[in-house]
N, C-alpha and C. Protein backbone atom coordinates (compact mmCIF):
# COMPACT_ATOMS: atom_id res chain seq x y z
N MET A 1 0.81 -1.01 0.10
CA MET A 1 -0.05 -0.18 -0.16
C MET A 1 0.67 1.20 -0.11
N ASN A 2 0.68 2.09 -0.78
CA ASN A 2 0.98 3.70 -0.93
C ASN A 2 0.74 4.38 0.10
N ILE A 3 1.65 4.41 1.17
CA ILE A 3 1.04 5.13 2.45
C ILE A 3 1.19 6.82 2.14
N GLY A 4 1.41 7.30 0.98
CA GLY A 4 2.12 8.58 0.42
C GLY A 4 0.76 9.28 0.48
N LYS A 5 -0.38 8.40 -0.74
CA LYS A 5 -1.25 8.76 -0.80
C LYS A 5 -2.67 8.61 0.01
N ILE A 6 -2.38 8.44 1.23
CA ILE A 6 -3.21 8.20 2.30
C ILE A 6 -2.94 9.48 2.98
N TYR A 7 -4.30 10.19 2.69
CA TYR A 7 -4.72 11.67 3.40
C TYR A 7 -5.34 11.45 4.90
N ILE A 8 -5.09 12.04 5.87
CA ILE A 8 -6.21 12.32 7.30
C ILE A 8 -6.57 13.50 7.45
N PHE A 9 -7.77 13.60 8.46
CA PHE A 9 -8.33 14.71 7.95
C PHE A 9 -9.22 14.75 9.79
N HIS A 10 -8.60 16.16 10.07
CA HIS A 10 -9.41 16.28 11.29
C HIS A 10 -10.23 17.07 11.28
N MET A 11 -11.30 16.87 11.77
CA MET A 11 -12.52 18.00 11.81
C MET A 11 -12.68 18.43 13.11
N THR A 12 -12.77 20.13 12.46
CA THR A 12 -12.88 21.22 14.09
C THR A 12 -13.58 22.49 13.47
N HIS A 13 -13.95 23.08 14.20
CA HIS A 13 -14.85 24.14 14.03
C HIS A 13 -14.01 24.91 13.87
N ILE A 14 -14.42 26.38 12.83
CA ILE A 14 -13.35 27.21 12.54
C ILE A 14 -12.99 28.16 13.44
N SER A 15 -13.83 28.51 14.63
CA SER A 15 -13.63 29.44 15.62
C SER A 15 -12.41 28.52 16.48
N ASN A 16 -12.22 27.38 16.20
CA ASN A 16 -10.88 26.90 17.25
C ASN A 16 -9.62 27.20 16.23
N LEU A 17 -9.58 27.76 15.14
CA LEU A 17 -8.63 27.62 14.53
C LEU A 17 -7.54 28.90 15.05
N PRO A 18 -8.16 29.64 15.38
CA PRO A 18 -6.88 30.93 16.24
C PRO A 18 -6.35 30.09 17.40
N LEU A 19 -6.98 29.58 17.85
CA LEU A 19 -6.64 28.70 19.17
C LEU A 19 -5.51 27.85 18.76
N ILE A 20 -5.86 26.65 17.77
CA ILE A 20 -4.65 25.71 17.41
C ILE A 20 -3.64 26.41 16.79
N LEU A 21 -3.64 27.52 16.02
CA LEU A 21 -2.33 28.38 15.71
C LEU A 21 -1.57 29.04 16.79
N GLU A 22 -2.58 29.46 18.10
CA GLU A 22 -1.82 30.17 19.30
C GLU A 22 -0.65 28.91 19.72
N LYS A 23 -1.69 27.70 20.01
CA LYS A 23 -0.77 26.56 20.71
C LYS A 23 0.39 25.64 19.50
N ARG A 24 0.17 26.10 18.25
CA ARG A 24 0.89 25.73 16.94
C ARG A 24 0.58 23.90 16.60
N GLY A 25 -0.68 23.86 17.03
CA GLY A 25 -1.00 22.25 16.90
C GLY A 25 -2.25 22.07 17.36
N LEU A 26 -2.70 20.88 17.45
CA LEU A 26 -3.74 20.44 17.81
C LEU A 26 -3.54 19.22 19.14
N LEU A 27 -3.89 19.88 20.42
CA LEU A 27 -4.16 19.46 22.00
C LEU A 27 -4.89 18.16 21.50
N CYS A 28 -4.79 16.74 22.16
CA CYS A 28 -5.69 16.26 22.88
C CYS A 28 -6.72 16.54 23.53
N LYS A 29 -7.68 16.11 23.60
CA LYS A 29 -9.14 16.13 24.40
C LYS A 29 -8.67 16.58 25.70
N ASN A 30 -7.81 15.62 26.47
CA ASN A 30 -7.68 15.59 27.89
C ASN A 30 -6.46 17.01 28.32
N MET A 31 -5.87 17.30 27.26
CA MET A 31 -4.91 18.26 27.52
C MET A 31 -5.65 19.48 27.69
N VAL A 32 -6.69 19.78 26.33
CA VAL A 32 -7.57 21.07 26.49
C VAL A 32 -8.59 21.00 27.89
N VAL A 33 -8.99 19.81 28.15
CA VAL A 33 -9.62 19.89 29.55
C VAL A 33 -9.26 20.12 30.98
N ASN A 34 -7.79 19.58 31.26
CA ASN A 34 -6.66 19.91 31.93
C ASN A 34 -6.49 21.28 32.07
N LYS A 35 -6.09 21.98 30.88
CA LYS A 35 -5.65 23.50 30.51
C LYS A 35 -6.95 24.33 31.08
N ARG A 36 -8.20 23.86 30.94
CA ARG A 36 -9.05 24.80 31.01
C ARG A 36 -9.74 25.70 29.50
N ILE A 37 -9.07 24.93 28.54
CA ILE A 37 -8.87 25.74 27.52
C ILE A 37 -10.25 25.55 26.29
N GLU A 38 -11.47 27.20 26.25
CA GLU A 38 -12.70 27.12 25.65
C GLU A 38 -12.53 26.90 24.34
N TYR A 39 -13.35 25.73 23.71
CA TYR A 39 -13.21 25.70 22.18
C TYR A 39 -14.79 25.59 21.99
N VAL A 40 -15.04 25.44 20.63
CA VAL A 40 -16.42 24.66 20.27
C VAL A 40 -16.23 23.85 20.24
N ASN A 41 -17.09 22.93 20.92
CA ASN A 41 -17.41 21.23 20.37
C ASN A 41 -18.18 21.16 19.32
N ILE A 42 -18.10 20.47 18.80
CA ILE A 42 -18.91 19.85 17.60
C ILE A 42 -19.18 18.47 17.68
N SER A 43 -19.17 17.98 19.18
CA SER A 43 -19.08 16.21 19.01
C SER A 43 -20.41 15.89 19.70
N ASN A 44 -20.97 14.74 19.76
CA ASN A 44 -22.03 14.35 20.51
C ASN A 44 -21.73 14.33 21.98
N THR A 45 -22.49 14.33 22.86
CA THR A 45 -22.23 14.06 24.51
C THR A 45 -21.43 12.88 24.82
N SER A 46 -22.90 11.63 24.07
CA SER A 46 -22.66 10.28 24.53
C SER A 46 -21.61 9.64 24.07
N VAL A 47 -20.90 10.60 22.53
CA VAL A 47 -19.95 9.44 22.37
C VAL A 47 -18.58 10.10 23.03
N GLN A 48 -18.50 11.49 23.33
CA GLN A 48 -17.14 11.89 23.85
C GLN A 48 -17.05 11.30 25.55
N ASN A 49 -18.41 11.19 26.04
CA ASN A 49 -18.42 10.49 27.34
C ASN A 49 -17.65 8.90 27.25
N LYS A 50 -18.17 8.30 26.15
CA LYS A 50 -17.88 6.78 25.57
C LYS A 50 -15.78 7.06 25.48
N ARG A 51 -15.54 7.87 24.84
CA ARG A 51 -14.11 7.97 24.38
C ARG A 51 -13.40 7.74 26.01
N TYR A 52 -13.68 9.01 26.58
CA TYR A 52 -13.43 8.98 27.81
C TYR A 52 -12.97 7.95 28.54
N ALA A 53 -13.72 6.48 28.38
CA ALA A 53 -14.40 5.48 28.97
C ALA A 53 -13.27 4.06 28.36
N LYS A 54 -13.36 4.20 26.89
CA LYS A 54 -12.52 3.50 26.18
C LYS A 54 -10.84 3.45 26.44
N ASN A 55 -10.22 2.33 26.52
CA ASN A 55 -8.94 2.51 26.52
C ASN A 55 -8.43 2.15 25.21
N VAL A 56 -7.04 2.40 25.43
CA VAL A 56 -6.23 2.09 23.78
C VAL A 56 -5.48 0.58 24.55
N PRO A 57 -5.87 -0.33 23.78
CA PRO A 57 -4.99 -1.69 24.60
C PRO A 57 -3.43 -1.76 23.75
N ILE A 58 -3.01 -1.09 23.07
CA ILE A 58 -1.64 -1.05 22.70
C ILE A 58 -1.05 0.16 22.88
N GLU A 59 0.29 0.11 22.80
CA GLU A 59 1.47 1.61 23.29
C GLU A 59 0.70 2.82 22.22
N PRO A 60 0.72 3.50 22.88
CA PRO A 60 1.20 4.28 24.13
C PRO A 60 0.47 3.98 24.98
N TYR A 61 -0.62 3.23 25.11
CA TYR A 61 -1.74 3.36 25.87
C TYR A 61 -2.71 4.32 26.18
N GLY A 62 -3.04 4.20 27.57
CA GLY A 62 -4.02 5.73 27.78
C GLY A 62 -5.30 5.24 27.14
N ILE A 63 -5.77 6.83 27.49
CA ILE A 63 -7.98 6.40 26.33
C ILE A 63 -7.71 7.42 25.34
N LEU A 64 -8.05 6.91 24.86
CA LEU A 64 -8.95 7.99 23.27
C LEU A 64 -8.68 9.41 23.24
N HIS A 65 -9.25 9.78 24.65
CA HIS A 65 -9.04 11.53 24.45
C HIS A 65 -7.65 11.96 25.22
N ASP A 66 -6.77 10.92 25.12
CA ASP A 66 -5.32 10.99 25.33
C ASP A 66 -4.74 11.25 23.31
N TYR A 67 -5.51 11.33 22.61
CA TYR A 67 -5.25 11.17 21.24
C TYR A 67 -6.03 11.83 20.61
N VAL A 68 -5.36 12.97 19.63
CA VAL A 68 -5.70 13.67 18.51
C VAL A 68 -6.36 12.36 17.60
N PRO A 69 -7.80 13.08 17.01
CA PRO A 69 -8.33 12.20 16.16
C PRO A 69 -8.59 12.36 14.46
N PHE A 70 -8.10 11.50 14.01
CA PHE A 70 -8.28 11.72 12.48
C PHE A 70 -8.96 10.78 11.71
N TYR A 71 -9.33 11.23 10.85
CA TYR A 71 -10.66 9.72 9.59
C TYR A 71 -9.47 9.92 8.47
N PHE A 72 -10.15 9.15 8.13
CA PHE A 72 -9.41 8.98 6.48
C PHE A 72 -9.79 9.33 5.42
N CYS A 73 -11.17 9.63 5.75
CA CYS A 73 -12.19 10.13 4.64
C CYS A 73 -13.02 11.39 5.33
N THR A 74 -13.84 12.29 4.62
CA THR A 74 -14.41 13.49 5.26
C THR A 74 -15.83 13.24 5.22
N LEU A 75 -16.59 12.70 4.22
CA LEU A 75 -17.91 12.49 4.24
C LEU A 75 -18.20 11.20 5.17
N ASN A 76 -18.46 11.59 6.49
CA ASN A 76 -18.53 10.56 7.23
C ASN A 76 -19.73 10.59 8.32
N PRO A 77 -20.20 9.31 8.88
CA PRO A 77 -21.42 9.97 9.73
C PRO A 77 -21.39 11.25 10.86
N MET A 78 -19.89 11.05 11.18
CA MET A 78 -20.09 12.27 12.32
C MET A 78 -20.47 13.49 11.49
N LEU A 79 -19.77 14.14 10.61
CA LEU A 79 -20.28 15.14 9.65
C LEU A 79 -21.67 14.60 9.24
N TYR A 80 -22.25 13.83 9.36
CA TYR A 80 -23.73 13.64 8.71
C TYR A 80 -24.63 14.19 9.90
N ALA A 81 -23.61 13.90 11.31
CA ALA A 81 -24.74 14.47 12.47
C ALA A 81 -25.08 15.91 12.40
N ILE A 82 -23.84 16.19 12.12
CA ILE A 82 -23.80 17.54 12.41
C ILE A 82 -24.41 18.09 11.10
N TYR A 83 -24.30 17.71 10.08
CA TYR A 83 -25.66 18.28 8.80
C TYR A 83 -27.16 17.94 8.95
N SER A 84 -27.23 16.82 9.80
CA SER A 84 -28.60 16.46 9.93
C SER A 84 -29.37 17.14 11.35
N GLY A 85 -28.49 17.98 11.88
CA GLY A 85 -28.79 18.49 13.43
C GLY A 85 -29.05 18.16 14.95
N LYS A 86 -28.17 16.37 14.66
CA LYS A 86 -28.21 15.75 15.57
C LYS A 86 -26.99 15.65 16.52
N VAL A 87 -26.44 16.51 16.51
CA VAL A 87 -25.30 16.80 17.59
C VAL A 87 -26.10 17.61 18.61
N ASP A 88 -25.56 17.15 19.96
CA ASP A 88 -26.38 17.76 21.15
C ASP A 88 -25.92 19.00 21.93
N THR A 89 -24.67 18.96 21.26
CA THR A 89 -23.74 20.24 21.61
C THR A 89 -23.59 21.19 20.30
N TYR A 90 -24.00 21.13 19.20
CA TYR A 90 -23.43 22.26 18.41
C TYR A 90 -24.92 22.05 17.41
N THR A 91 -25.42 23.39 16.82
CA THR A 91 -26.36 23.69 16.20
C THR A 91 -26.54 24.22 14.96
N GLU A 92 -25.03 24.59 14.36
CA GLU A 92 -24.45 25.46 13.57
C GLU A 92 -24.48 24.81 11.97
N GLY A 93 -24.71 23.34 11.78
CA GLY A 93 -24.39 22.51 10.85
C GLY A 93 -23.29 22.76 10.47
N GLN A 94 -22.84 22.33 8.96
CA GLN A 94 -21.58 22.01 8.40
C GLN A 94 -20.68 23.13 7.61
N GLU A 95 -21.13 24.32 7.54
CA GLU A 95 -20.50 25.70 7.01
C GLU A 95 -19.62 25.88 7.69
N ASN A 96 -19.74 25.86 9.04
CA ASN A 96 -18.27 26.39 9.66
C ASN A 96 -17.22 25.18 10.29
N VAL A 97 -17.42 23.42 9.64
CA VAL A 97 -16.61 22.93 10.15
C VAL A 97 -15.73 23.29 9.02
N ILE A 98 -14.20 22.72 9.33
CA ILE A 98 -13.46 22.70 8.31
C ILE A 98 -12.46 21.27 8.78
N PHE A 99 -11.59 20.98 7.59
CA PHE A 99 -10.80 19.95 7.36
C PHE A 99 -9.30 20.16 7.63
N LEU A 100 -8.91 19.92 8.31
CA LEU A 100 -7.03 20.06 8.94
C LEU A 100 -6.38 19.07 8.13
N VAL A 101 -5.97 19.04 6.93
CA VAL A 101 -5.21 17.78 5.93
C VAL A 101 -3.99 17.36 6.33
N SER A 102 -3.74 16.04 6.31
CA SER A 102 -2.06 15.71 6.55
C SER A 102 -1.89 14.45 6.17
N THR A 103 -0.79 13.81 5.95
CA THR A 103 -0.79 12.64 5.62
C THR A 103 0.02 11.68 6.41
N ILE A 104 -0.09 10.67 6.53
CA ILE A 104 0.61 9.68 7.37
C ILE A 104 2.07 9.63 7.01
N PRO A 105 2.92 10.13 5.94
CA PRO A 105 4.27 9.95 6.01
C PRO A 105 4.39 11.17 6.55
N GLN A 106 3.79 12.25 6.67
CA GLN A 106 4.28 13.35 7.89
C GLN A 106 4.50 13.16 9.32
N VAL A 107 3.34 11.98 9.88
CA VAL A 107 3.39 11.72 11.06
C VAL A 107 4.54 10.87 11.12
N THR A 108 4.72 9.59 10.36
CA THR A 108 6.06 8.79 10.66
C THR A 108 7.39 9.50 10.76
N GLN A 109 7.45 10.56 9.25
CA GLN A 109 8.57 11.55 9.20
C GLN A 109 8.99 11.93 10.38
N ALA A 110 8.31 12.38 10.92
CA ALA A 110 8.44 13.59 12.15
C ALA A 110 8.14 12.70 13.56
N LYS A 111 8.04 10.96 13.33
CA LYS A 111 8.27 10.12 14.62
C LYS A 111 7.14 10.50 15.50
N LEU A 112 5.93 10.98 15.51
CA LEU A 112 5.24 11.35 16.19
C LEU A 112 4.45 9.68 16.27
N ASN A 113 4.41 9.59 17.48
CA ASN A 113 3.37 8.58 18.33
C ASN A 113 2.09 8.04 18.00
N PHE A 114 1.88 7.10 17.22
CA PHE A 114 0.57 7.09 17.27
C PHE A 114 -0.24 5.77 17.42
N VAL A 115 -1.43 5.54 16.96
CA VAL A 115 -2.02 4.17 16.94
C VAL A 115 -3.31 4.75 15.55
N PHE A 116 -4.02 3.57 15.07
CA PHE A 116 -4.86 3.61 14.40
C PHE A 116 -6.15 2.33 14.57
N THR A 117 -6.98 2.75 13.61
CA THR A 117 -8.02 1.14 14.16
C THR A 117 -8.84 1.38 12.48
N ASP A 118 -9.43 -0.03 12.79
CA ASP A 118 -10.57 -0.01 11.54
C ASP A 118 -11.50 0.17 11.99
N GLY A 119 -12.32 0.65 12.55
CA GLY A 119 -13.64 1.03 12.62
C GLY A 119 -13.60 2.11 13.76
N HIS A 120 -14.71 2.74 13.90
CA HIS A 120 -15.30 3.60 15.30
C HIS A 120 -14.40 3.04 16.59
N ALA A 121 -13.08 4.09 16.76
CA ALA A 121 -12.67 3.47 18.22
C ALA A 121 -13.57 3.26 19.11
N ILE A 122 -14.40 3.81 19.30
CA ILE A 122 -15.56 3.21 21.20
C ILE A 122 -15.94 1.77 20.62
N MET A 123 -16.07 1.25 19.41
CA MET A 123 -17.16 0.22 19.34
C MET A 123 -16.19 -1.05 19.62
N ALA A 124 -16.74 -2.02 20.17
CA ALA A 124 -15.99 -3.20 20.81
C ALA A 124 -15.51 -4.31 19.72
N LEU A 125 -16.09 -4.12 18.24
CA LEU A 125 -15.23 -4.73 17.27
C LEU A 125 -14.25 -4.16 17.21
N THR A 126 -13.89 -3.13 17.18
CA THR A 126 -12.58 -2.16 16.36
C THR A 126 -11.39 -3.07 17.12
N GLN A 127 -10.73 -2.90 16.02
CA GLN A 127 -9.53 -3.29 16.47
C GLN A 127 -8.37 -1.96 16.04
N PHE A 128 -7.03 -2.48 17.04
CA PHE A 128 -6.35 -1.47 17.66
C PHE A 128 -4.97 -1.82 16.65
N PHE A 129 -4.19 -0.78 15.87
CA PHE A 129 -2.82 -1.18 15.25
C PHE A 129 -1.89 -0.27 15.39
N LYS A 130 -0.71 -0.35 15.31
CA LYS A 130 0.64 0.61 15.27
C LYS A 130 1.49 0.22 14.01
N ASP A 131 1.59 -0.96 13.56
CA ASP A 131 2.34 -1.21 12.33
C ASP A 131 2.05 -0.72 11.34
N ILE A 132 2.47 0.33 10.62
CA ILE A 132 1.60 1.02 9.16
C ILE A 132 1.39 0.28 8.26
N ALA A 133 2.38 -1.41 8.50
CA ALA A 133 2.02 -2.17 7.33
C ALA A 133 0.29 -3.22 7.43
N ASP A 134 0.02 -2.64 8.71
CA ASP A 134 -1.45 -3.32 9.08
C ASP A 134 -2.73 -2.21 8.44
N LEU A 135 -2.22 -1.11 7.39
CA LEU A 135 -3.25 -0.24 7.08
C LEU A 135 -4.08 -0.94 6.12
N ASP A 136 -3.74 -2.24 5.92
CA ASP A 136 -3.98 -3.14 4.57
C ASP A 136 -5.38 -3.88 5.08
N LYS A 137 -5.74 -3.77 6.70
CA LYS A 137 -6.29 -4.14 6.96
C LYS A 137 -8.03 -3.55 7.24
N LEU A 138 -7.63 -2.29 6.61
CA LEU A 138 -8.66 -1.45 7.08
C LEU A 138 -9.70 -1.79 5.57
N ASN A 139 -11.08 -1.65 5.92
CA ASN A 139 -11.80 -1.82 4.74
C ASN A 139 -11.94 -0.82 3.77
N TRP A 140 -10.95 -0.28 2.90
CA TRP A 140 -11.07 0.71 1.98
C TRP A 140 -11.98 1.24 1.24
N GLU A 141 -12.65 -0.04 0.60
CA GLU A 141 -13.42 -0.08 -0.16
C GLU A 141 -14.73 0.93 0.87
N VAL A 142 -15.40 0.77 1.70
CA VAL A 142 -16.23 1.61 2.66
C VAL A 142 -15.56 2.86 2.84
N ILE A 143 -14.12 3.09 2.84
CA ILE A 143 -14.10 4.19 3.67
C ILE A 143 -13.67 5.41 2.40
N LYS A 144 -13.62 4.65 0.76
CA LYS A 144 -13.35 5.44 -0.29
C LYS A 144 -14.73 5.58 -1.14
N ALA A 145 -15.77 4.74 -0.59
CA ALA A 145 -17.09 5.01 -1.20
C ALA A 145 -17.86 6.07 -1.11
N LYS A 146 -18.61 6.30 -2.35
CA LYS A 146 -18.92 7.92 -1.84
C LYS A 146 -20.12 7.90 -0.22
N TYR A 147 -21.00 6.69 -0.37
CA TYR A 147 -21.49 6.64 1.03
C TYR A 147 -21.12 5.47 2.02
N TRP A 148 -21.84 5.14 2.79
CA TRP A 148 -21.55 4.02 3.39
C TRP A 148 -23.17 2.83 3.90
N PRO A 149 -24.10 3.32 4.15
CA PRO A 149 -25.57 2.69 4.48
C PRO A 149 -25.31 1.48 3.42
N GLU A 150 -25.12 1.28 2.20
CA GLU A 150 -25.14 0.02 1.43
C GLU A 150 -24.25 -1.24 1.88
N PHE A 151 -23.28 -0.89 2.97
CA PHE A 151 -22.43 -1.62 3.10
C PHE A 151 -22.60 -2.58 4.83
N THR A 152 -22.40 -3.48 5.19
CA THR A 152 -22.78 -4.35 6.23
C THR A 152 -21.79 -3.32 7.38
N ASP A 153 -22.16 -2.99 8.55
CA ASP A 153 -20.98 -2.05 9.50
C ASP A 153 -20.35 -1.25 8.80
N GLY A 154 -21.20 -0.66 8.26
CA GLY A 154 -20.51 0.52 6.99
C GLY A 154 -20.18 1.76 7.89
N SER A 155 -21.23 2.08 8.75
CA SER A 155 -20.78 3.40 9.83
C SER A 155 -19.79 3.13 10.63
N ARG A 156 -19.52 1.86 11.12
CA ARG A 156 -18.58 1.83 12.16
C ARG A 156 -17.12 1.88 11.29
N LEU A 157 -17.26 0.71 10.10
CA LEU A 157 -15.91 0.81 9.29
C LEU A 157 -15.65 2.20 8.76
N ARG A 158 -16.75 3.09 8.45
CA ARG A 158 -16.36 4.44 7.56
C ARG A 158 -15.62 5.09 8.48
N GLN A 159 -15.78 4.63 9.82
CA GLN A 159 -15.39 5.56 10.75
C GLN A 159 -13.84 5.51 11.28
N ALA A 160 -12.94 4.43 10.38
CA ALA A 160 -11.78 4.32 11.27
C ALA A 160 -11.03 5.46 11.47
N GLU A 161 -9.86 5.37 12.57
CA GLU A 161 -9.62 6.53 12.91
C GLU A 161 -7.81 6.44 13.10
N PHE A 162 -7.20 7.46 12.72
CA PHE A 162 -5.86 7.79 13.05
C PHE A 162 -5.48 8.31 14.14
N LEU A 163 -4.79 8.04 15.01
CA LEU A 163 -5.09 8.44 16.60
C LEU A 163 -3.51 8.99 17.07
N VAL A 164 -3.29 10.12 16.68
CA VAL A 164 -2.09 10.84 17.68
C VAL A 164 -1.58 11.13 18.94
N HIS A 165 -0.74 10.47 19.47
CA HIS A 165 -0.93 10.64 20.96
C HIS A 165 -0.68 12.54 21.23
N LYS A 166 -1.45 12.50 21.98
CA LYS A 166 -1.12 14.09 22.93
C LYS A 166 -1.44 15.19 21.74
N PHE A 167 -0.10 15.39 20.90
CA PHE A 167 -0.29 16.89 20.16
C PHE A 167 -0.02 16.37 18.79
N PHE A 168 -0.81 17.36 18.22
CA PHE A 168 0.07 16.85 16.54
C PHE A 168 0.33 18.68 16.21
N PRO A 169 1.65 18.87 15.62
CA PRO A 169 2.07 20.14 15.73
C PRO A 169 1.39 20.63 14.10
N TRP A 170 1.18 21.82 14.32
CA TRP A 170 1.07 22.70 12.72
C TRP A 170 1.35 22.53 11.78
N GLU A 171 2.70 22.24 12.04
CA GLU A 171 3.84 22.22 11.04
C GLU A 171 3.42 20.74 9.85
N HIS A 172 2.63 20.07 10.42
CA HIS A 172 2.50 18.81 9.84
C HIS A 172 1.25 18.96 9.25
N ILE A 173 0.37 20.12 9.42
CA ILE A 173 -0.83 20.63 8.45
C ILE A 173 -0.58 21.10 7.26
N LEU A 174 -0.88 20.33 5.92
CA LEU A 174 -0.58 20.31 4.54
C LEU A 174 -1.60 21.29 4.31
N GLY A 175 -2.92 21.60 4.57
CA GLY A 175 -3.86 22.37 3.76
C GLY A 175 -5.36 22.32 4.48
N ILE A 176 -5.80 23.20 4.28
CA ILE A 176 -7.79 23.09 5.06
C ILE A 176 -8.55 23.13 3.89
N GLY A 177 -9.18 22.56 4.39
CA GLY A 177 -10.49 21.94 2.94
C GLY A 177 -11.88 22.57 3.61
N VAL A 178 -12.61 23.31 3.02
CA VAL A 178 -13.52 24.26 3.56
C VAL A 178 -14.78 24.37 2.48
N LEU A 179 -15.92 24.43 3.00
CA LEU A 179 -17.21 24.32 2.26
C LEU A 179 -17.37 25.26 1.00
N ASN A 180 -17.11 26.23 1.19
CA ASN A 180 -17.64 27.15 0.25
C ASN A 180 -16.42 28.95 0.84
N ASN A 181 -16.92 29.88 -0.41
CA ASN A 181 -15.94 30.85 -0.52
C ASN A 181 -15.87 31.61 0.79
N GLN A 182 -17.07 31.82 1.66
CA GLN A 182 -16.95 32.42 2.66
C GLN A 182 -16.32 32.01 3.85
N SER A 183 -16.43 30.81 3.79
CA SER A 183 -15.63 29.87 4.50
C SER A 183 -14.16 30.16 4.61
N ARG A 184 -13.66 29.65 3.38
CA ARG A 184 -12.19 30.25 2.81
C ARG A 184 -12.15 31.60 2.93
N ASN A 185 -12.88 32.33 2.90
CA ASN A 185 -12.45 33.72 3.12
C ASN A 185 -11.89 34.25 5.08
N LYS A 186 -12.79 33.28 5.24
CA LYS A 186 -12.87 33.22 7.09
C LYS A 186 -11.33 32.70 7.40
N VAL A 187 -11.39 31.62 6.93
CA VAL A 187 -9.72 30.60 7.15
C VAL A 187 -8.65 31.48 6.93
N ILE A 188 -8.66 32.24 5.58
CA ILE A 188 -7.40 32.87 5.22
C ILE A 188 -7.31 34.37 6.42
N GLU A 189 -8.33 34.86 6.68
CA GLU A 189 -8.17 36.29 7.29
C GLU A 189 -7.22 35.64 8.47
N ILE A 190 -8.02 34.54 9.40
CA ILE A 190 -7.87 34.12 10.30
C ILE A 190 -5.98 33.55 10.50
N LEU A 191 -5.64 32.85 9.36
CA LEU A 191 -4.12 32.21 9.06
C LEU A 191 -3.37 33.53 8.99
N ARG A 192 -3.69 34.42 8.17
CA ARG A 192 -2.73 35.97 7.78
C ARG A 192 -2.68 36.17 9.68
N LYS A 193 -3.46 36.58 10.49
CA LYS A 193 -3.30 36.90 11.85
C LYS A 193 -2.47 35.92 12.69
N GLY A 194 -2.62 34.88 12.33
CA GLY A 194 -1.82 33.39 13.50
C GLY A 194 -0.71 33.11 12.79
N GLU A 195 -0.72 32.97 11.47
CA GLU A 195 0.31 31.97 11.10
C GLU A 195 2.18 32.68 11.18
N LYS A 196 3.03 31.99 11.06
CA LYS A 196 4.17 32.41 11.05
C LYS A 196 4.48 31.81 9.53
N GLY A 197 5.03 33.01 8.55
CA GLY A 197 5.64 32.56 7.33
C GLY A 197 4.34 32.75 6.09
N LYS A 198 4.68 31.49 5.38
CA LYS A 198 3.90 31.46 4.02
C LYS A 198 2.37 30.53 4.78
N ILE A 199 1.41 31.05 4.72
CA ILE A 199 0.03 30.34 4.82
C ILE A 199 -0.28 29.28 4.00
N ARG A 200 -0.87 28.24 4.72
CA ARG A 200 -1.61 27.00 4.41
C ARG A 200 -2.55 27.13 3.05
N PRO A 201 -2.09 26.19 2.07
CA PRO A 201 -3.41 26.26 1.32
C PRO A 201 -4.86 26.08 2.06
N VAL A 202 -5.79 26.83 1.30
CA VAL A 202 -7.41 26.86 2.01
C VAL A 202 -8.16 26.60 0.28
N VAL A 203 -8.69 25.62 0.55
CA VAL A 203 -9.14 24.80 -0.54
C VAL A 203 -10.59 24.57 -0.68
N ILE A 204 -11.62 24.63 -1.55
CA ILE A 204 -12.79 25.09 -1.55
C ILE A 204 -13.50 23.58 -1.71
N LYS A 205 -13.64 22.84 -1.04
CA LYS A 205 -14.18 21.44 -1.63
C LYS A 205 -15.69 20.96 -1.45
N PRO A 206 -16.33 21.59 -1.69
CA PRO A 206 -17.96 21.09 -1.88
C PRO A 206 -18.29 19.60 -1.65
N ASP A 207 -17.33 18.81 -2.38
CA ASP A 207 -17.41 17.03 -2.43
C ASP A 207 -17.47 16.69 -1.21
N TRP A 208 -16.88 17.33 -0.15
CA TRP A 208 -16.32 16.78 1.32
C TRP A 208 -17.30 16.93 2.16
N TYR A 209 -18.70 17.55 1.47
CA TYR A 209 -19.43 18.03 2.70
C TYR A 209 -20.78 16.81 2.04
N PHE A 210 -21.61 17.27 2.69
CA PHE A 210 -23.36 16.74 2.51
C PHE A 210 -24.03 18.18 1.73
């Protein structure tokens, strides 16, 4: 498998971008909570509570909230819940959701500590992996399909996760995907204020959204 072609995507609210720039990267949930950092939450409370309770069974261990989560695709059930208004903490829809994009080589070359899963990390059936060679154990047909409901266990498999321990440095974010030109202008303005040097490309990707 050519890992250079595997992108990873972190979803966040556009209002969180100044904080990410200030911290020069993405903090795991536990670090955000422990430091009492205010941010816009786009996740369901029930899911977040399950992530607090889910142990990571391989090194570097800990719980899911000790990791910065990425997906292997953008059109996923979490975004669909946001689009459908089914998130109990968030009602703005998908327009202000942005995707921070990186690749697995960025992670491995920087020697960041990571694990990955073959499905939604909170689910009992989901397996955890450490060896990049095990990426072929993910169901790439489901991950790369336009939608997932036609597949058995599609929702779980579609939400396979790439989890980076504690902190993901901003320097390894390659670009940002947004829904429309209005969002792009907002992101560029934030980057101009908070970036050091050349700003990341910001690309309008309506096909990444519902």
